[in-house]
Amino acid sequence: MEGSALLTAILLFLFAAVVTVPIARRLGIGAVLGYLIAGIAIGPWGLGFIRDVDEILHFSELGVVFLMFIIGLELNPAKLWELRRSIFGVGAGQVLVTAAVLGALLYFSHFAWQAAVIGGIGLAMSSTAMALQLMREKGMNRNEGGSLGFSVLLFQDMAVIPALALIPILAGWRRHQRRLGENRHEGRSLRRHADRRAFPVTSAISLYRLIWGA
């Protein structure tokens, strides 16, 4: 995207946010939904001011990076140490239980177990940026419930790395199992073909032995 087009997109984003977010807050639906409504309004399925979404993805990623950077600036190491039991207790429990339940539902919905595991883990995660924004709007970031919610979000962020590392492992295991199944099928086909080719010969030998043996 050229510099002028990028500047135009930034101005559109700011204008849409300035218009929709205060209205969304006044209606009590929150700033997050306001941003979503603004994106729909100026996107290719709305007014069409932004048509090529792929060209501005890096801009949106930059916004998430800045948000996480600001969150990191506000973190107190002593507070994190106090939340260590909540992070590895409540956070780990939420991820494991949710992933297990949703993975089981996917598996019994006739998904492969590898896909069920990956899907369960993915559905157990949530958006840290959206959740923290909602918690701030509701004033939950200062109470005990907000601390537990933050602990869950922090453990989810830490669990993303091993979850991403697990995807190619399970995908490779799936391909390996598929190749083994194909090889077994080819082996059974070759044996059946060989048995059909050998049947006339073995029948002739058996008939010869029956006649001359008698």
N, C-alpha and C. Protein backbone atom coordinates (compact mmCIF):
# COMPACT_ATOMS: atom_id res chain seq x y z
N MET A 1 0.85 -1.19 0.00
CA MET A 1 0.00 0.00 0.00
C MET A 1 0.88 1.24 0.00
N GLU A 2 0.57 2.22 -0.86
CA GLU A 2 1.34 3.45 -0.94
C GLU A 2 1.08 4.33 0.28
N GLY A 3 2.01 5.31 0.45
CA GLY A 3 1.92 6.15 1.64
C GLY A 3 0.63 6.93 1.70
N SER A 4 0.19 7.49 0.57
CA SER A 4 -1.06 8.27 0.57
C SER A 4 -2.27 7.39 0.87
N ALA A 5 -2.28 6.17 0.31
CA ALA A 5 -3.40 5.27 0.57
C ALA A 5 -3.43 4.83 2.03
N LEU A 6 -2.24 4.59 2.59
CA LEU A 6 -2.17 4.21 4.00
C LEU A 6 -2.64 5.35 4.89
N LEU A 7 -2.24 6.57 4.57
CA LEU A 7 -2.69 7.73 5.35
C LEU A 7 -4.20 7.90 5.26
N THR A 8 -4.75 7.67 4.07
CA THR A 8 -6.21 7.75 3.91
C THR A 8 -6.91 6.70 4.75
N ALA A 9 -6.35 5.47 4.78
CA ALA A 9 -6.95 4.42 5.58
C ALA A 9 -6.89 4.75 7.06
N ILE A 10 -5.77 5.30 7.51
CA ILE A 10 -5.65 5.68 8.92
C ILE A 10 -6.68 6.74 9.29
N LEU A 11 -6.84 7.75 8.44
CA LEU A 11 -7.83 8.80 8.70
C LEU A 11 -9.25 8.23 8.73
N LEU A 12 -9.52 7.26 7.85
CA LEU A 12 -10.83 6.61 7.86
C LEU A 12 -11.06 5.85 9.15
N PHE A 13 -10.03 5.14 9.60
CA PHE A 13 -10.15 4.41 10.86
C PHE A 13 -10.45 5.36 12.02
N LEU A 14 -9.69 6.43 12.08
CA LEU A 14 -9.87 7.38 13.18
C LEU A 14 -11.25 8.03 13.13
N PHE A 15 -11.68 8.41 11.94
CA PHE A 15 -12.99 9.05 11.82
C PHE A 15 -14.11 8.08 12.21
N ALA A 16 -14.01 6.84 11.73
CA ALA A 16 -15.04 5.85 12.06
C ALA A 16 -15.07 5.57 13.56
N ALA A 17 -13.88 5.51 14.18
CA ALA A 17 -13.82 5.25 15.61
C ALA A 17 -14.40 6.42 16.40
N VAL A 18 -14.07 7.64 15.98
CA VAL A 18 -14.57 8.83 16.68
C VAL A 18 -16.09 8.91 16.61
N VAL A 19 -16.67 8.45 15.51
CA VAL A 19 -18.12 8.54 15.34
C VAL A 19 -18.84 7.41 16.06
N THR A 20 -18.37 6.17 15.86
CA THR A 20 -19.13 5.01 16.34
C THR A 20 -18.88 4.66 17.80
N VAL A 21 -17.65 4.82 18.28
CA VAL A 21 -17.35 4.39 19.65
C VAL A 21 -18.13 5.19 20.70
N PRO A 22 -18.20 6.53 20.62
CA PRO A 22 -19.03 7.24 21.61
C PRO A 22 -20.50 6.83 21.56
N ILE A 23 -21.01 6.58 20.35
CA ILE A 23 -22.40 6.14 20.24
C ILE A 23 -22.58 4.77 20.89
N ALA A 24 -21.62 3.88 20.65
CA ALA A 24 -21.71 2.54 21.25
C ALA A 24 -21.65 2.61 22.76
N ARG A 25 -20.78 3.47 23.29
CA ARG A 25 -20.71 3.61 24.75
C ARG A 25 -21.99 4.23 25.30
N ARG A 26 -22.56 5.17 24.58
CA ARG A 26 -23.80 5.78 25.04
C ARG A 26 -24.93 4.75 25.05
N LEU A 27 -24.92 3.83 24.09
CA LEU A 27 -25.94 2.78 24.05
C LEU A 27 -25.65 1.65 25.02
N GLY A 28 -24.46 1.66 25.62
CA GLY A 28 -24.12 0.65 26.61
C GLY A 28 -23.64 -0.67 26.04
N ILE A 29 -23.23 -0.69 24.77
CA ILE A 29 -22.77 -1.94 24.17
C ILE A 29 -21.25 -2.06 24.16
N GLY A 30 -20.54 -1.03 24.60
CA GLY A 30 -19.09 -1.12 24.75
C GLY A 30 -18.33 -0.66 23.52
N ALA A 31 -17.08 -0.28 23.76
CA ALA A 31 -16.24 0.22 22.68
C ALA A 31 -15.84 -0.87 21.69
N VAL A 32 -15.70 -2.10 22.18
CA VAL A 32 -15.27 -3.19 21.29
C VAL A 32 -16.29 -3.40 20.17
N LEU A 33 -17.56 -3.47 20.53
CA LEU A 33 -18.60 -3.60 19.50
C LEU A 33 -18.65 -2.36 18.62
N GLY A 34 -18.32 -1.21 19.20
CA GLY A 34 -18.27 0.01 18.39
C GLY A 34 -17.21 -0.07 17.32
N TYR A 35 -16.05 -0.59 17.68
CA TYR A 35 -14.99 -0.77 16.68
C TYR A 35 -15.40 -1.77 15.61
N LEU A 36 -16.06 -2.85 16.03
CA LEU A 36 -16.51 -3.84 15.06
C LEU A 36 -17.53 -3.25 14.09
N ILE A 37 -18.46 -2.47 14.63
CA ILE A 37 -19.46 -1.83 13.77
C ILE A 37 -18.80 -0.84 12.81
N ALA A 38 -17.78 -0.11 13.30
CA ALA A 38 -17.07 0.83 12.43
C ALA A 38 -16.35 0.09 11.30
N GLY A 39 -15.74 -1.04 11.63
CA GLY A 39 -15.06 -1.83 10.60
C GLY A 39 -16.03 -2.35 9.55
N ILE A 40 -17.18 -2.82 10.00
CA ILE A 40 -18.19 -3.30 9.05
C ILE A 40 -18.67 -2.16 8.16
N ALA A 41 -18.82 -0.98 8.75
CA ALA A 41 -19.36 0.15 8.00
C ALA A 41 -18.43 0.61 6.88
N ILE A 42 -17.11 0.66 7.15
CA ILE A 42 -16.18 1.17 6.14
C ILE A 42 -15.55 0.06 5.32
N GLY A 43 -15.86 -1.20 5.63
CA GLY A 43 -15.25 -2.34 4.94
C GLY A 43 -15.89 -2.63 3.60
N PRO A 44 -15.40 -3.69 2.94
CA PRO A 44 -15.90 -4.03 1.59
C PRO A 44 -17.36 -4.46 1.57
N TRP A 45 -17.90 -4.93 2.71
CA TRP A 45 -19.32 -5.34 2.75
C TRP A 45 -20.21 -4.24 3.30
N GLY A 46 -19.62 -3.06 3.57
CA GLY A 46 -20.40 -1.92 4.01
C GLY A 46 -20.38 -0.83 2.96
N LEU A 47 -19.84 0.32 3.34
CA LEU A 47 -19.75 1.44 2.40
C LEU A 47 -18.63 1.27 1.38
N GLY A 48 -17.71 0.36 1.63
CA GLY A 48 -16.68 0.05 0.64
C GLY A 48 -15.53 1.03 0.59
N PHE A 49 -15.30 1.81 1.66
CA PHE A 49 -14.16 2.71 1.66
C PHE A 49 -12.84 1.94 1.68
N ILE A 50 -12.83 0.80 2.37
CA ILE A 50 -11.67 -0.10 2.41
C ILE A 50 -12.07 -1.37 1.68
N ARG A 51 -11.41 -1.63 0.54
CA ARG A 51 -11.78 -2.79 -0.27
C ARG A 51 -10.79 -3.95 -0.14
N ASP A 52 -9.52 -3.64 -0.07
CA ASP A 52 -8.50 -4.69 0.02
C ASP A 52 -8.07 -4.82 1.48
N VAL A 53 -8.67 -5.78 2.17
CA VAL A 53 -8.40 -5.94 3.61
C VAL A 53 -6.98 -6.44 3.84
N ASP A 54 -6.45 -7.27 2.94
CA ASP A 54 -5.13 -7.84 3.14
C ASP A 54 -4.04 -6.78 3.21
N GLU A 55 -4.22 -5.68 2.53
CA GLU A 55 -3.19 -4.65 2.49
C GLU A 55 -3.07 -3.87 3.80
N ILE A 56 -4.08 -3.93 4.64
CA ILE A 56 -4.03 -3.17 5.89
C ILE A 56 -3.92 -4.08 7.11
N LEU A 57 -3.68 -5.38 6.89
CA LEU A 57 -3.56 -6.29 8.02
C LEU A 57 -2.38 -5.94 8.89
N HIS A 58 -1.26 -5.55 8.27
CA HIS A 58 -0.08 -5.20 9.06
C HIS A 58 -0.35 -3.99 9.95
N PHE A 59 -1.23 -3.09 9.49
CA PHE A 59 -1.59 -1.94 10.30
C PHE A 59 -2.37 -2.37 11.54
N SER A 60 -3.30 -3.30 11.37
CA SER A 60 -4.07 -3.80 12.51
C SER A 60 -3.18 -4.58 13.48
N GLU A 61 -2.22 -5.34 12.94
CA GLU A 61 -1.29 -6.06 13.82
C GLU A 61 -0.46 -5.10 14.64
N LEU A 62 -0.11 -3.97 14.05
CA LEU A 62 0.66 -2.96 14.79
C LEU A 62 -0.15 -2.42 15.96
N GLY A 63 -1.46 -2.24 15.76
CA GLY A 63 -2.30 -1.78 16.85
C GLY A 63 -2.35 -2.77 18.01
N VAL A 64 -2.43 -4.07 17.69
CA VAL A 64 -2.43 -5.09 18.74
C VAL A 64 -1.10 -5.10 19.48
N VAL A 65 0.00 -4.93 18.73
CA VAL A 65 1.32 -4.90 19.36
C VAL A 65 1.43 -3.73 20.34
N PHE A 66 0.95 -2.56 19.95
CA PHE A 66 0.98 -1.40 20.83
C PHE A 66 0.14 -1.64 22.08
N LEU A 67 -1.02 -2.26 21.90
CA LEU A 67 -1.89 -2.53 23.04
C LEU A 67 -1.20 -3.48 24.03
N MET A 68 -0.59 -4.55 23.52
CA MET A 68 0.11 -5.48 24.40
C MET A 68 1.31 -4.81 25.07
N PHE A 69 1.97 -3.89 24.36
CA PHE A 69 3.09 -3.16 24.93
C PHE A 69 2.63 -2.29 26.11
N ILE A 70 1.48 -1.64 25.93
CA ILE A 70 0.94 -0.81 27.01
C ILE A 70 0.56 -1.67 28.20
N ILE A 71 -0.02 -2.84 27.93
CA ILE A 71 -0.37 -3.76 29.03
C ILE A 71 0.89 -4.18 29.77
N GLY A 72 1.97 -4.46 29.02
CA GLY A 72 3.23 -4.83 29.66
C GLY A 72 3.79 -3.73 30.52
N LEU A 73 3.63 -2.47 30.09
CA LEU A 73 4.11 -1.35 30.90
C LEU A 73 3.38 -1.24 32.22
N GLU A 74 2.12 -1.65 32.24
CA GLU A 74 1.31 -1.52 33.45
C GLU A 74 1.47 -2.71 34.40
N LEU A 75 2.15 -3.77 33.95
CA LEU A 75 2.28 -4.96 34.79
C LEU A 75 3.32 -4.73 35.88
N ASN A 76 2.98 -5.17 37.07
CA ASN A 76 3.89 -5.08 38.21
C ASN A 76 4.42 -6.48 38.51
N PRO A 77 5.76 -6.68 38.48
CA PRO A 77 6.29 -8.03 38.76
C PRO A 77 5.83 -8.59 40.10
N ALA A 78 5.72 -7.74 41.10
CA ALA A 78 5.25 -8.23 42.40
C ALA A 78 3.81 -8.72 42.31
N LYS A 79 2.98 -8.01 41.53
CA LYS A 79 1.60 -8.43 41.34
C LYS A 79 1.52 -9.76 40.59
N LEU A 80 2.39 -9.93 39.60
CA LEU A 80 2.43 -11.20 38.87
C LEU A 80 2.82 -12.34 39.79
N TRP A 81 3.76 -12.10 40.70
CA TRP A 81 4.18 -13.15 41.62
C TRP A 81 3.04 -13.52 42.56
N GLU A 82 2.22 -12.54 42.95
CA GLU A 82 1.07 -12.84 43.78
C GLU A 82 0.02 -13.66 43.03
N LEU A 83 -0.03 -13.47 41.70
CA LEU A 83 -1.05 -14.17 40.91
C LEU A 83 -0.55 -15.51 40.37
N ARG A 84 0.62 -15.96 40.79
CA ARG A 84 1.19 -17.18 40.19
C ARG A 84 0.30 -18.39 40.39
N ARG A 85 -0.35 -18.50 41.56
CA ARG A 85 -1.23 -19.65 41.79
C ARG A 85 -2.49 -19.55 40.93
N SER A 86 -3.00 -18.34 40.77
CA SER A 86 -4.17 -18.17 39.91
C SER A 86 -3.81 -18.43 38.45
N ILE A 87 -2.63 -18.00 38.02
CA ILE A 87 -2.22 -18.19 36.63
C ILE A 87 -2.10 -19.66 36.30
N PHE A 88 -1.36 -20.39 37.14
CA PHE A 88 -1.11 -21.81 36.86
C PHE A 88 -2.16 -22.74 37.47
N GLY A 89 -3.11 -22.18 38.21
CA GLY A 89 -4.19 -22.97 38.76
C GLY A 89 -5.47 -22.75 37.98
N VAL A 90 -6.04 -21.56 38.15
CA VAL A 90 -7.29 -21.25 37.45
C VAL A 90 -7.07 -21.18 35.94
N GLY A 91 -5.98 -20.51 35.51
CA GLY A 91 -5.71 -20.39 34.08
C GLY A 91 -5.49 -21.73 33.41
N ALA A 92 -4.64 -22.57 34.03
CA ALA A 92 -4.40 -23.90 33.45
C ALA A 92 -5.66 -24.74 33.48
N GLY A 93 -6.42 -24.65 34.56
CA GLY A 93 -7.66 -25.42 34.64
C GLY A 93 -8.65 -25.02 33.57
N GLN A 94 -8.79 -23.72 33.32
CA GLN A 94 -9.72 -23.27 32.29
C GLN A 94 -9.33 -23.79 30.92
N VAL A 95 -8.04 -23.68 30.59
CA VAL A 95 -7.59 -24.11 29.27
C VAL A 95 -7.75 -25.62 29.12
N LEU A 96 -7.32 -26.39 30.12
CA LEU A 96 -7.36 -27.85 30.00
C LEU A 96 -8.79 -28.38 29.98
N VAL A 97 -9.63 -27.89 30.88
CA VAL A 97 -11.01 -28.40 30.95
C VAL A 97 -11.79 -28.00 29.69
N THR A 98 -11.67 -26.74 29.29
CA THR A 98 -12.40 -26.28 28.11
C THR A 98 -11.92 -27.01 26.86
N ALA A 99 -10.60 -27.16 26.73
CA ALA A 99 -10.06 -27.86 25.56
C ALA A 99 -10.51 -29.32 25.54
N ALA A 100 -10.54 -29.96 26.72
CA ALA A 100 -10.97 -31.36 26.78
C ALA A 100 -12.44 -31.52 26.41
N VAL A 101 -13.30 -30.65 26.94
CA VAL A 101 -14.73 -30.76 26.66
C VAL A 101 -15.02 -30.48 25.18
N LEU A 102 -14.47 -29.39 24.66
CA LEU A 102 -14.73 -29.03 23.27
C LEU A 102 -14.07 -30.02 22.31
N GLY A 103 -12.87 -30.52 22.68
CA GLY A 103 -12.23 -31.53 21.85
C GLY A 103 -13.04 -32.82 21.79
N ALA A 104 -13.63 -33.21 22.94
CA ALA A 104 -14.47 -34.41 22.96
C ALA A 104 -15.71 -34.22 22.09
N LEU A 105 -16.31 -33.03 22.14
CA LEU A 105 -17.47 -32.76 21.28
C LEU A 105 -17.09 -32.84 19.80
N LEU A 106 -15.93 -32.30 19.44
CA LEU A 106 -15.49 -32.38 18.05
C LEU A 106 -15.20 -33.82 17.65
N TYR A 107 -14.60 -34.59 18.56
CA TYR A 107 -14.27 -35.98 18.24
C TYR A 107 -15.54 -36.81 18.02
N PHE A 108 -16.54 -36.61 18.89
CA PHE A 108 -17.78 -37.35 18.73
C PHE A 108 -18.66 -36.79 17.61
N SER A 109 -18.21 -35.66 17.03
CA SER A 109 -18.88 -35.13 15.83
C SER A 109 -18.17 -35.61 14.56
N HIS A 110 -17.41 -36.70 14.69
CA HIS A 110 -16.77 -37.39 13.56
C HIS A 110 -15.58 -36.62 12.98
N PHE A 111 -14.90 -35.82 13.82
CA PHE A 111 -13.63 -35.24 13.43
C PHE A 111 -12.52 -36.22 13.82
N ALA A 112 -11.41 -36.17 13.09
CA ALA A 112 -10.24 -36.96 13.48
C ALA A 112 -9.74 -36.47 14.84
N TRP A 113 -9.10 -37.39 15.60
CA TRP A 113 -8.71 -37.00 16.95
C TRP A 113 -7.66 -35.90 16.93
N GLN A 114 -6.81 -35.87 15.88
CA GLN A 114 -5.83 -34.79 15.78
C GLN A 114 -6.53 -33.44 15.60
N ALA A 115 -7.52 -33.40 14.70
CA ALA A 115 -8.28 -32.17 14.48
C ALA A 115 -9.08 -31.78 15.72
N ALA A 116 -9.59 -32.78 16.44
CA ALA A 116 -10.36 -32.49 17.66
C ALA A 116 -9.46 -31.87 18.73
N VAL A 117 -8.23 -32.36 18.86
CA VAL A 117 -7.30 -31.80 19.84
C VAL A 117 -6.97 -30.36 19.50
N ILE A 118 -6.60 -30.12 18.23
CA ILE A 118 -6.25 -28.76 17.81
C ILE A 118 -7.45 -27.83 17.94
N GLY A 119 -8.63 -28.29 17.50
CA GLY A 119 -9.82 -27.46 17.59
C GLY A 119 -10.21 -27.15 19.03
N GLY A 120 -10.09 -28.14 19.91
CA GLY A 120 -10.41 -27.91 21.31
C GLY A 120 -9.50 -26.89 21.95
N ILE A 121 -8.20 -26.98 21.66
CA ILE A 121 -7.25 -26.01 22.22
C ILE A 121 -7.52 -24.62 21.66
N GLY A 122 -7.77 -24.54 20.35
CA GLY A 122 -8.03 -23.24 19.74
C GLY A 122 -9.29 -22.58 20.28
N LEU A 123 -10.34 -23.36 20.46
CA LEU A 123 -11.60 -22.80 20.98
C LEU A 123 -11.52 -22.47 22.47
N ALA A 124 -10.53 -23.03 23.17
CA ALA A 124 -10.36 -22.70 24.58
C ALA A 124 -9.68 -21.35 24.78
N MET A 125 -9.08 -20.81 23.73
CA MET A 125 -8.41 -19.52 23.83
C MET A 125 -9.40 -18.38 23.61
N SER A 126 -9.00 -17.19 24.05
CA SER A 126 -9.81 -15.99 23.85
C SER A 126 -8.89 -14.82 23.51
N SER A 127 -9.48 -13.74 23.07
CA SER A 127 -8.71 -12.56 22.67
C SER A 127 -8.36 -11.73 23.91
N THR A 128 -7.07 -11.64 24.20
CA THR A 128 -6.63 -10.86 25.35
C THR A 128 -6.97 -9.39 25.18
N ALA A 129 -6.75 -8.87 23.98
CA ALA A 129 -7.01 -7.45 23.73
C ALA A 129 -8.48 -7.10 23.96
N MET A 130 -9.38 -7.90 23.41
CA MET A 130 -10.82 -7.62 23.57
C MET A 130 -11.26 -7.83 25.00
N ALA A 131 -10.77 -8.87 25.65
CA ALA A 131 -11.21 -9.16 27.02
C ALA A 131 -10.73 -8.07 27.98
N LEU A 132 -9.49 -7.64 27.84
CA LEU A 132 -8.98 -6.59 28.74
C LEU A 132 -9.72 -5.27 28.52
N GLN A 133 -10.03 -4.99 27.26
CA GLN A 133 -10.78 -3.76 26.98
C GLN A 133 -12.16 -3.80 27.64
N LEU A 134 -12.83 -4.93 27.54
CA LEU A 134 -14.14 -5.06 28.17
C LEU A 134 -14.04 -4.99 29.70
N MET A 135 -12.98 -5.60 30.25
CA MET A 135 -12.81 -5.56 31.70
C MET A 135 -12.56 -4.13 32.18
N ARG A 136 -11.80 -3.36 31.41
CA ARG A 136 -11.56 -1.97 31.79
C ARG A 136 -12.84 -1.15 31.73
N GLU A 137 -13.64 -1.37 30.71
CA GLU A 137 -14.88 -0.62 30.58
C GLU A 137 -15.84 -0.92 31.72
N LYS A 138 -15.85 -2.18 32.16
CA LYS A 138 -16.75 -2.57 33.24
C LYS A 138 -16.15 -2.33 34.63
N GLY A 139 -14.90 -1.85 34.68
CA GLY A 139 -14.26 -1.60 35.96
C GLY A 139 -13.90 -2.86 36.71
N MET A 140 -13.64 -3.95 35.98
CA MET A 140 -13.35 -5.23 36.63
C MET A 140 -11.86 -5.47 36.85
N ASN A 141 -11.02 -4.58 36.33
CA ASN A 141 -9.58 -4.84 36.41
C ASN A 141 -9.01 -4.55 37.79
N ARG A 142 -9.82 -4.06 38.72
CA ARG A 142 -9.31 -3.75 40.06
C ARG A 142 -9.85 -4.69 41.13
N ASN A 143 -10.78 -5.56 40.79
CA ASN A 143 -11.35 -6.44 41.81
C ASN A 143 -10.82 -7.86 41.65
N GLU A 144 -11.29 -8.76 42.50
CA GLU A 144 -10.79 -10.14 42.50
C GLU A 144 -11.18 -10.88 41.23
N GLY A 145 -12.40 -10.65 40.75
CA GLY A 145 -12.81 -11.29 39.51
C GLY A 145 -11.96 -10.88 38.34
N GLY A 146 -11.59 -9.60 38.30
CA GLY A 146 -10.72 -9.13 37.24
C GLY A 146 -9.33 -9.75 37.31
N SER A 147 -8.83 -9.95 38.54
CA SER A 147 -7.52 -10.59 38.69
C SER A 147 -7.54 -12.03 38.21
N LEU A 148 -8.63 -12.74 38.52
CA LEU A 148 -8.75 -14.12 38.03
C LEU A 148 -8.87 -14.15 36.51
N GLY A 149 -9.65 -13.21 35.97
CA GLY A 149 -9.77 -13.14 34.51
C GLY A 149 -8.44 -12.84 33.85
N PHE A 150 -7.67 -11.91 34.44
CA PHE A 150 -6.36 -11.59 33.89
C PHE A 150 -5.42 -12.79 33.99
N SER A 151 -5.52 -13.56 35.06
CA SER A 151 -4.69 -14.76 35.21
C SER A 151 -5.00 -15.77 34.11
N VAL A 152 -6.28 -15.94 33.81
CA VAL A 152 -6.66 -16.87 32.74
C VAL A 152 -6.13 -16.39 31.40
N LEU A 153 -6.26 -15.09 31.13
CA LEU A 153 -5.78 -14.54 29.86
C LEU A 153 -4.27 -14.68 29.73
N LEU A 154 -3.56 -14.46 30.83
CA LEU A 154 -2.10 -14.56 30.78
C LEU A 154 -1.66 -16.00 30.53
N PHE A 155 -2.32 -16.96 31.16
CA PHE A 155 -1.95 -18.36 30.90
C PHE A 155 -2.28 -18.75 29.47
N GLN A 156 -3.39 -18.24 28.93
CA GLN A 156 -3.72 -18.52 27.54
C GLN A 156 -2.64 -17.99 26.60
N ASP A 157 -2.13 -16.80 26.89
CA ASP A 157 -1.06 -16.24 26.06
C ASP A 157 0.19 -17.12 26.12
N MET A 158 0.50 -17.66 27.31
CA MET A 158 1.66 -18.54 27.42
C MET A 158 1.42 -19.89 26.75
N ALA A 159 0.16 -20.33 26.73
CA ALA A 159 -0.15 -21.63 26.13
C ALA A 159 -0.20 -21.59 24.61
N VAL A 160 -0.21 -20.40 24.03
CA VAL A 160 -0.29 -20.30 22.57
C VAL A 160 0.95 -20.91 21.92
N ILE A 161 2.13 -20.67 22.48
CA ILE A 161 3.37 -21.15 21.86
C ILE A 161 3.41 -22.68 21.78
N PRO A 162 3.21 -23.42 22.89
CA PRO A 162 3.18 -24.88 22.74
C PRO A 162 2.02 -25.38 21.88
N ALA A 163 0.90 -24.65 21.87
CA ALA A 163 -0.22 -25.06 21.02
C ALA A 163 0.15 -24.94 19.55
N LEU A 164 0.81 -23.85 19.18
CA LEU A 164 1.25 -23.70 17.79
C LEU A 164 2.30 -24.74 17.42
N ALA A 165 3.17 -25.09 18.37
CA ALA A 165 4.17 -26.12 18.11
C ALA A 165 3.53 -27.50 17.95
N LEU A 166 2.37 -27.70 18.57
CA LEU A 166 1.69 -29.00 18.51
C LEU A 166 1.02 -29.24 17.16
N ILE A 167 0.65 -28.17 16.45
CA ILE A 167 -0.09 -28.31 15.21
C ILE A 167 0.69 -29.09 14.16
N PRO A 168 1.95 -28.72 13.82
CA PRO A 168 2.66 -29.52 12.80
C PRO A 168 2.95 -30.94 13.24
N ILE A 169 3.09 -31.15 14.55
CA ILE A 169 3.34 -32.52 15.04
C ILE A 169 2.13 -33.40 14.79
N LEU A 170 0.95 -32.91 15.15
CA LEU A 170 -0.27 -33.69 14.94
C LEU A 170 -0.59 -33.83 13.46
N ALA A 171 -0.30 -32.77 12.67
CA ALA A 171 -0.54 -32.86 11.23
C ALA A 171 0.38 -33.91 10.60
N GLY A 172 1.65 -33.95 11.02
CA GLY A 172 2.56 -34.98 10.51
C GLY A 172 2.14 -36.37 10.92
N TRP A 173 1.65 -36.51 12.17
CA TRP A 173 1.15 -37.81 12.63
C TRP A 173 -0.04 -38.25 11.79
N ARG A 174 -0.91 -37.31 11.45
CA ARG A 174 -2.09 -37.63 10.63
C ARG A 174 -1.67 -38.10 9.24
N ARG A 175 -0.70 -37.41 8.64
CA ARG A 175 -0.21 -37.83 7.31
C ARG A 175 0.45 -39.20 7.39
N HIS A 176 1.19 -39.45 8.48
CA HIS A 176 1.85 -40.75 8.64
C HIS A 176 0.82 -41.86 8.75
N GLN A 177 -0.24 -41.65 9.54
CA GLN A 177 -1.28 -42.66 9.67
C GLN A 177 -2.01 -42.89 8.35
N ARG A 178 -2.21 -41.81 7.57
CA ARG A 178 -2.87 -41.96 6.27
C ARG A 178 -2.01 -42.78 5.32
N ARG A 179 -0.69 -42.53 5.31
CA ARG A 179 0.20 -43.31 4.44
C ARG A 179 0.23 -44.77 4.86
N LEU A 180 0.22 -45.04 6.18
CA LEU A 180 0.19 -46.43 6.63
C LEU A 180 -1.08 -47.12 6.17
N GLY A 181 -2.21 -46.42 6.26
CA GLY A 181 -3.46 -47.00 5.79
C GLY A 181 -3.45 -47.26 4.31
N GLU A 182 -2.88 -46.35 3.52
CA GLU A 182 -2.80 -46.55 2.08
C GLU A 182 -1.89 -47.74 1.76
N ASN A 183 -0.77 -47.87 2.49
CA ASN A 183 0.13 -49.00 2.25
C ASN A 183 -0.53 -50.33 2.58
N ARG A 184 -1.30 -50.36 3.68
CA ARG A 184 -2.00 -51.59 4.04
C ARG A 184 -3.03 -51.95 2.97
N HIS A 185 -3.75 -50.94 2.47
CA HIS A 185 -4.74 -51.18 1.43
C HIS A 185 -4.08 -51.71 0.17
N GLU A 186 -2.94 -51.13 -0.22
CA GLU A 186 -2.24 -51.60 -1.41
C GLU A 186 -1.72 -53.03 -1.21
N GLY A 187 -1.25 -53.34 0.01
CA GLY A 187 -0.76 -54.70 0.27
C GLY A 187 -1.88 -55.72 0.18
N ARG A 188 -3.06 -55.38 0.73
CA ARG A 188 -4.20 -56.31 0.63
C ARG A 188 -4.63 -56.48 -0.82
N SER A 189 -4.60 -55.40 -1.60
CA SER A 189 -4.98 -55.50 -3.01
C SER A 189 -4.02 -56.38 -3.79
N LEU A 190 -2.72 -56.24 -3.50
CA LEU A 190 -1.73 -57.07 -4.18
C LEU A 190 -1.90 -58.53 -3.81
N ARG A 191 -2.19 -58.81 -2.53
CA ARG A 191 -2.39 -60.21 -2.13
C ARG A 191 -3.62 -60.81 -2.80
N ARG A 192 -4.71 -60.04 -2.87
CA ARG A 192 -5.90 -60.56 -3.55
C ARG A 192 -5.62 -60.80 -5.03
N HIS A 193 -4.90 -59.89 -5.64
CA HIS A 193 -4.57 -60.05 -7.06
C HIS A 193 -3.69 -61.28 -7.27
N ALA A 194 -2.71 -61.47 -6.37
CA ALA A 194 -1.83 -62.63 -6.50
C ALA A 194 -2.60 -63.93 -6.28
N ASP A 195 -3.55 -63.91 -5.33
CA ASP A 195 -4.34 -65.11 -5.10
C ASP A 195 -5.18 -65.45 -6.32
N ARG A 196 -5.76 -64.43 -6.98
CA ARG A 196 -6.56 -64.71 -8.18
C ARG A 196 -5.70 -65.26 -9.31
N ARG A 197 -4.47 -64.73 -9.45
CA ARG A 197 -3.59 -65.22 -10.51
C ARG A 197 -3.11 -66.64 -10.22
N ALA A 198 -2.92 -66.95 -8.95
CA ALA A 198 -2.40 -68.28 -8.60
C ALA A 198 -3.49 -69.34 -8.50
N PHE A 199 -4.74 -68.93 -8.47
CA PHE A 199 -5.83 -69.90 -8.27
C PHE A 199 -5.88 -70.96 -9.37
N PRO A 200 -5.78 -70.61 -10.66
CA PRO A 200 -5.80 -71.67 -11.69
C PRO A 200 -4.66 -72.68 -11.55
N VAL A 201 -3.48 -72.17 -11.20
CA VAL A 201 -2.33 -73.08 -11.07
C VAL A 201 -2.52 -74.02 -9.90
N THR A 202 -2.89 -73.48 -8.76
CA THR A 202 -3.08 -74.35 -7.59
C THR A 202 -4.24 -75.32 -7.80
N SER A 203 -5.27 -74.89 -8.52
CA SER A 203 -6.39 -75.80 -8.79
C SER A 203 -5.95 -76.94 -9.69
N ALA A 204 -5.13 -76.63 -10.71
CA ALA A 204 -4.64 -77.68 -11.62
C ALA A 204 -3.78 -78.67 -10.87
N ILE A 205 -2.90 -78.17 -10.00
CA ILE A 205 -2.03 -79.07 -9.22
C ILE A 205 -2.86 -79.96 -8.30
N SER A 206 -3.84 -79.36 -7.65
CA SER A 206 -4.68 -80.15 -6.75
C SER A 206 -5.46 -81.22 -7.52
N LEU A 207 -5.97 -80.88 -8.73
CA LEU A 207 -6.71 -81.85 -9.54
C LEU A 207 -5.79 -82.97 -10.01
N TYR A 208 -4.55 -82.60 -10.40
CA TYR A 208 -3.59 -83.61 -10.84
C TYR A 208 -3.30 -84.59 -9.71
N ARG A 209 -3.05 -84.07 -8.51
CA ARG A 209 -2.76 -84.95 -7.38
C ARG A 209 -3.97 -85.82 -7.04
N LEU A 210 -5.17 -85.26 -7.19
CA LEU A 210 -6.36 -86.03 -6.87
C LEU A 210 -6.54 -87.20 -7.83
N ILE A 211 -6.29 -86.94 -9.14
CA ILE A 211 -6.49 -87.99 -10.14
C ILE A 211 -5.39 -89.03 -10.06
N TRP A 212 -4.14 -88.58 -10.11
CA TRP A 212 -3.05 -89.53 -10.15
C TRP A 212 -2.74 -90.12 -8.79
N GLY A 213 -3.14 -89.38 -7.76
CA GLY A 213 -2.91 -89.94 -6.43
C GLY A 213 -3.87 -91.08 -6.15
N ALA A 214 -5.07 -90.99 -6.77
CA ALA A 214 -6.02 -92.05 -6.57
C ALA A 214 -5.56 -93.31 -7.26
